[in-house]
Protein backbone atom coordinates (compact mmCIF):
# COMPACT_ATOMS: atom_id res chain seq x y z
CA MET A 1 108.78 78.94 90.42
CA THR A 2 106.40 82.18 91.38
CA ARG A 3 107.43 83.80 94.53
CA LEU A 4 104.41 85.48 97.00
CA ILE A 5 105.76 87.46 99.75
CA LEU A 6 103.76 88.29 102.34
CA ALA A 7 104.64 92.34 103.36
CA SER A 8 104.06 92.02 107.28
CA GLN A 9 105.62 90.85 110.42
CA SER A 10 101.62 89.64 111.73
CA PRO A 11 101.93 85.73 113.07
CA ALA A 12 98.19 85.24 112.17
CA ARG A 13 98.59 86.18 108.64
CA THR A 14 101.56 84.03 107.81
CA LYS A 15 99.93 81.67 109.90
CA LEU A 16 96.36 81.71 107.79
CA LEU A 17 98.54 81.61 104.48
CA THR A 18 100.33 78.30 105.84
CA ASP A 19 97.18 76.76 107.04
CA ALA A 20 95.69 77.46 103.98
CA GLY A 21 98.80 76.02 102.24
CA ILE A 22 100.13 78.83 100.46
CA ARG A 23 103.67 79.09 99.90
CA HIS A 24 104.60 82.23 100.79
CA GLU A 25 108.08 84.15 102.59
CA VAL A 26 107.38 86.64 105.05
CA LEU A 27 109.42 90.36 104.40
CA VAL A 28 109.11 92.69 106.73
CA SER A 29 108.24 96.57 106.10
CA ASP A 30 109.59 99.28 107.85
CA VAL A 31 106.93 101.94 106.98
CA ASP A 32 106.19 104.33 109.60
CA GLU A 33 102.18 104.09 109.90
CA ASP A 34 101.56 107.45 111.95
CA ALA A 35 103.52 109.18 108.64
CA VAL A 36 101.72 107.85 106.02
CA GLN A 37 98.71 109.03 107.22
CA ALA A 38 99.92 112.16 108.24
CA ARG A 39 100.93 112.76 104.81
CA TYR A 40 98.16 112.09 103.12
CA GLY A 41 95.75 113.21 105.74
CA VAL A 42 93.81 110.25 105.16
CA THR A 43 90.78 109.52 108.45
CA ASP A 44 88.07 107.35 106.69
CA PRO A 45 89.01 103.62 108.45
CA HIS A 46 88.16 102.35 104.85
CA ASP A 47 90.50 104.17 102.76
CA THR A 48 93.17 104.29 106.00
CA ALA A 49 93.46 100.43 105.64
CA LEU A 50 94.11 100.30 101.84
CA LEU A 51 96.50 103.22 102.04
CA LEU A 52 98.75 101.83 104.94
CA ALA A 53 98.61 98.34 103.11
CA ARG A 54 99.66 99.72 99.87
CA ALA A 55 102.48 101.51 102.11
CA LYS A 56 103.34 98.66 103.23
CA ALA A 57 103.63 96.72 100.14
CA GLU A 58 105.20 98.95 97.99
CA ALA A 59 107.94 99.86 100.51
CA VAL A 60 109.08 95.70 100.25
CA ALA A 61 108.56 95.70 96.39
CA SER A 62 111.24 97.97 96.52
CA LEU A 63 113.92 96.32 98.14
CA PRO A 64 116.09 93.95 95.77
CA GLU A 65 115.14 91.22 97.88
CA ALA A 66 111.41 91.18 96.10
CA ASP A 67 112.89 91.40 92.40
CA GLY A 68 110.94 88.92 90.64
CA ALA A 69 107.79 88.40 93.06
CA LEU A 70 104.68 88.95 93.93
CA VAL A 71 104.11 90.99 96.72
CA ILE A 72 101.15 91.19 99.24
CA GLY A 73 100.49 93.97 102.15
CA CYS A 74 97.90 93.90 104.50
CA ASP A 75 96.64 96.66 106.87
CA SER A 76 93.21 96.47 109.65
CA VAL A 77 91.42 99.56 110.76
CA PHE A 78 88.51 98.44 113.51
CA GLU A 79 85.63 101.26 112.74
CA PHE A 80 83.53 101.90 115.71
CA ASP A 81 80.94 104.72 116.26
CA GLY A 82 82.89 106.65 113.17
CA GLU A 83 86.25 106.21 114.63
CA ALA A 84 88.84 104.20 113.27
CA HIS A 85 91.15 102.56 115.99
CA GLY A 86 94.54 100.91 115.32
CA LYS A 87 96.41 98.71 117.87
CA PRO A 88 96.13 99.97 121.26
CA TYR A 89 99.44 99.73 122.46
CA THR A 90 98.41 100.82 125.97
CA ALA A 91 96.54 98.48 128.59
CA ASP A 92 94.29 101.94 129.29
CA VAL A 93 93.11 102.48 125.90
CA ALA A 94 92.86 98.56 124.90
CA ARG A 95 90.12 98.96 128.18
CA GLU A 96 88.56 101.81 127.78
CA ARG A 97 87.73 100.67 124.11
CA MET A 98 86.97 97.34 125.16
CA LEU A 99 84.80 98.81 127.93
CA ARG A 100 82.75 100.33 125.08
CA MET A 101 82.40 97.33 122.34
CA SER A 102 80.71 95.69 124.92
CA GLY A 103 77.43 93.91 123.79
CA SER A 104 78.15 96.40 120.58
CA LYS A 105 79.55 96.08 117.12
CA GLY A 106 81.74 97.31 114.76
CA VAL A 107 83.65 97.15 111.35
CA LEU A 108 86.92 95.53 110.49
CA HIS A 109 88.44 96.62 107.42
CA THR A 110 91.65 94.92 105.66
CA GLY A 111 93.46 96.94 103.28
CA HIS A 112 95.12 94.20 100.71
CA TRP A 113 98.09 95.67 98.54
CA LEU A 114 99.53 93.77 95.65
CA VAL A 115 102.52 94.65 94.14
CA ASP A 116 103.81 92.54 90.81
CA CYS A 117 107.58 92.92 90.49
CA ARG A 118 108.21 90.25 88.24
CA ASP A 119 109.64 91.80 85.05
CA THR A 120 107.35 92.42 82.49
CA GLU A 121 108.91 90.24 79.72
CA GLU A 122 109.56 86.90 79.57
CA SER A 123 112.41 84.88 80.60
CA GLY A 124 114.06 82.00 80.53
CA GLU A 125 114.50 81.79 84.10
CA SER A 126 110.69 82.78 85.52
CA GLY A 127 109.23 81.67 82.39
CA ALA A 128 105.96 83.07 82.73
CA ALA A 129 105.80 87.45 82.20
CA GLY A 130 104.71 90.11 84.97
CA SER A 131 101.70 91.82 84.60
CA GLY A 132 103.21 94.98 85.89
CA ALA A 133 100.08 95.34 88.55
CA THR A 134 99.20 97.11 91.25
CA LEU A 135 95.80 96.98 92.77
CA GLY A 136 94.09 96.83 95.72
CA HIS A 137 90.91 96.43 97.72
CA VAL A 138 89.23 96.77 101.04
CA THR A 139 87.66 93.54 102.38
CA SER A 140 85.06 94.48 105.84
CA ALA A 141 83.32 92.70 107.87
CA GLU A 142 80.78 93.65 111.27
CA VAL A 143 81.79 91.66 114.16
CA HIS A 144 79.37 91.48 117.00
CA PHE A 145 80.84 91.39 120.39
CA MET A 146 78.77 89.71 123.23
CA GLU A 147 78.73 91.65 126.91
CA MET A 148 82.42 91.36 128.54
CA ALA A 149 82.88 91.86 132.02
CA PRO A 150 85.43 94.66 133.62
CA GLU A 151 87.22 91.64 135.29
CA GLU A 152 86.79 90.03 132.18
CA ILE A 153 88.36 92.55 130.18
CA ASP A 154 90.90 93.06 132.75
CA ALA A 155 91.96 89.08 132.23
CA TYR A 156 92.31 89.33 128.46
CA ILE A 157 94.70 92.49 128.54
CA ALA A 158 96.87 90.97 130.94
CA THR A 159 97.43 88.40 128.38
CA GLY A 160 98.79 91.20 125.96
CA GLU A 161 97.14 89.55 122.83
CA PRO A 162 95.03 92.63 122.24
CA LEU A 163 97.78 95.17 122.50
CA GLN A 164 98.81 94.79 119.07
CA CYS A 165 95.54 94.10 117.49
CA ALA A 166 93.35 96.66 115.50
CA GLY A 167 90.32 97.73 117.51
CA SER A 168 91.87 95.31 121.03
CA PHE A 169 90.53 92.26 119.96
CA THR A 170 91.53 88.95 118.20
CA ILE A 171 88.92 86.33 116.27
CA ASP A 172 91.53 83.48 115.96
CA GLY A 173 93.14 83.90 119.85
CA TYR A 174 91.59 84.39 123.61
CA GLY A 175 89.71 87.02 121.95
CA GLY A 176 87.05 84.69 120.30
CA ALA A 177 85.45 84.15 123.49
CA PHE A 178 83.98 87.78 123.49
CA ILE A 179 82.59 87.75 120.05
CA ARG A 180 78.82 86.74 118.98
CA LYS A 181 79.59 86.53 115.36
CA VAL A 182 80.62 87.83 111.97
CA ASP A 183 78.73 89.13 108.55
CA GLY A 184 81.40 88.50 106.15
CA ASP A 185 84.57 87.63 105.76
CA PRO A 186 86.49 86.08 108.93
CA HIS A 187 89.86 85.60 107.20
CA ALA A 188 89.32 89.59 106.91
CA VAL A 189 89.13 90.13 110.83
CA VAL A 190 92.29 87.73 111.63
CA GLY A 191 93.63 90.22 108.73
CA LEU A 192 93.85 88.71 105.15
CA SER A 193 91.21 87.48 103.52
CA ILE A 194 92.00 84.53 101.57
CA SER A 195 89.20 85.31 98.64
CA THR A 196 90.74 88.91 97.71
CA LEU A 197 94.15 87.53 97.79
CA ARG A 198 92.77 85.20 95.24
CA GLY A 199 90.97 87.67 93.38
CA LEU A 200 93.76 90.31 93.27
CA LEU A 201 96.12 87.23 92.21
CA GLY A 202 93.57 86.72 89.35
CA GLN A 203 94.04 90.57 88.34
CA ALA A 204 98.02 90.10 87.94
CA GLN A 205 97.31 86.75 85.88
CA VAL A 206 98.10 84.52 88.47
CA ASP A 207 96.33 81.58 89.58
CA ILE A 208 96.65 80.97 93.65
CA THR A 209 96.82 77.44 93.07
CA GLU A 210 100.18 77.87 91.42
CA PHE A 211 101.08 78.35 95.59
CA TRP A 212 99.28 75.70 97.00
CA THR A 213 101.73 73.38 99.19
CA THR A 214 101.08 70.02 101.10
CA GLY A 215 101.49 72.09 103.97
CA ALA A 216 97.84 72.88 104.89
CA ALA A 217 95.33 71.71 107.55
CA ASP A 218 94.63 68.18 106.94
CA PRO A 219 90.68 68.06 106.45
CA ALA A 220 90.69 64.86 107.72
CA LEU A 221 92.12 65.91 110.97
CA LEU A 222 89.73 69.24 110.70
CA ARG A 223 86.57 66.27 110.60
CA ALA A 224 87.50 64.27 113.13
CA GLU A 225 87.54 67.16 115.59
């Protein structure tokens, strides 16, 4: 059975895969994001997202637990007014950003990097040979925000949700109340594009249907809602 490892501690990413019925494991990297950026001197938001996704994927791929699996690493960077915004971490930074974002728009870049850790020669245990692939792609979406009152921003920050999110917002939590529309793949805004994952797996000669389980959200229940 082919294994897929998500190199991320993000609950939103693993929930997204679970709801899509994609069997996976989680193995968190210990990548120092600031150190990686400093080493390579990358400042462009698009390139930063891909660089960090690659660093995470390759860090996990080097672990013995990843042997024989495919590893997907992801990282999201929000671009606003030409600046790259990662996680704010503090209430003051989140508040300053959200006051500027109110009624405006920005672009959320999510980098994806896939490493095929399977043996490149067929074996009796795994059946299929690995591709040796190590490849990536960035999926971006433009996010349009509604006007946000200072009191709403403070209430949102008080939930703690935006402090650990790229750009200081989410689309799948409390922050969804402030997003007017998304131009592009909404999954990329959550943190992992399922269609991009499918494409990368395809380049590694793996069909995403190999990971499908019976754990996806029930369409009948969704229609009933």
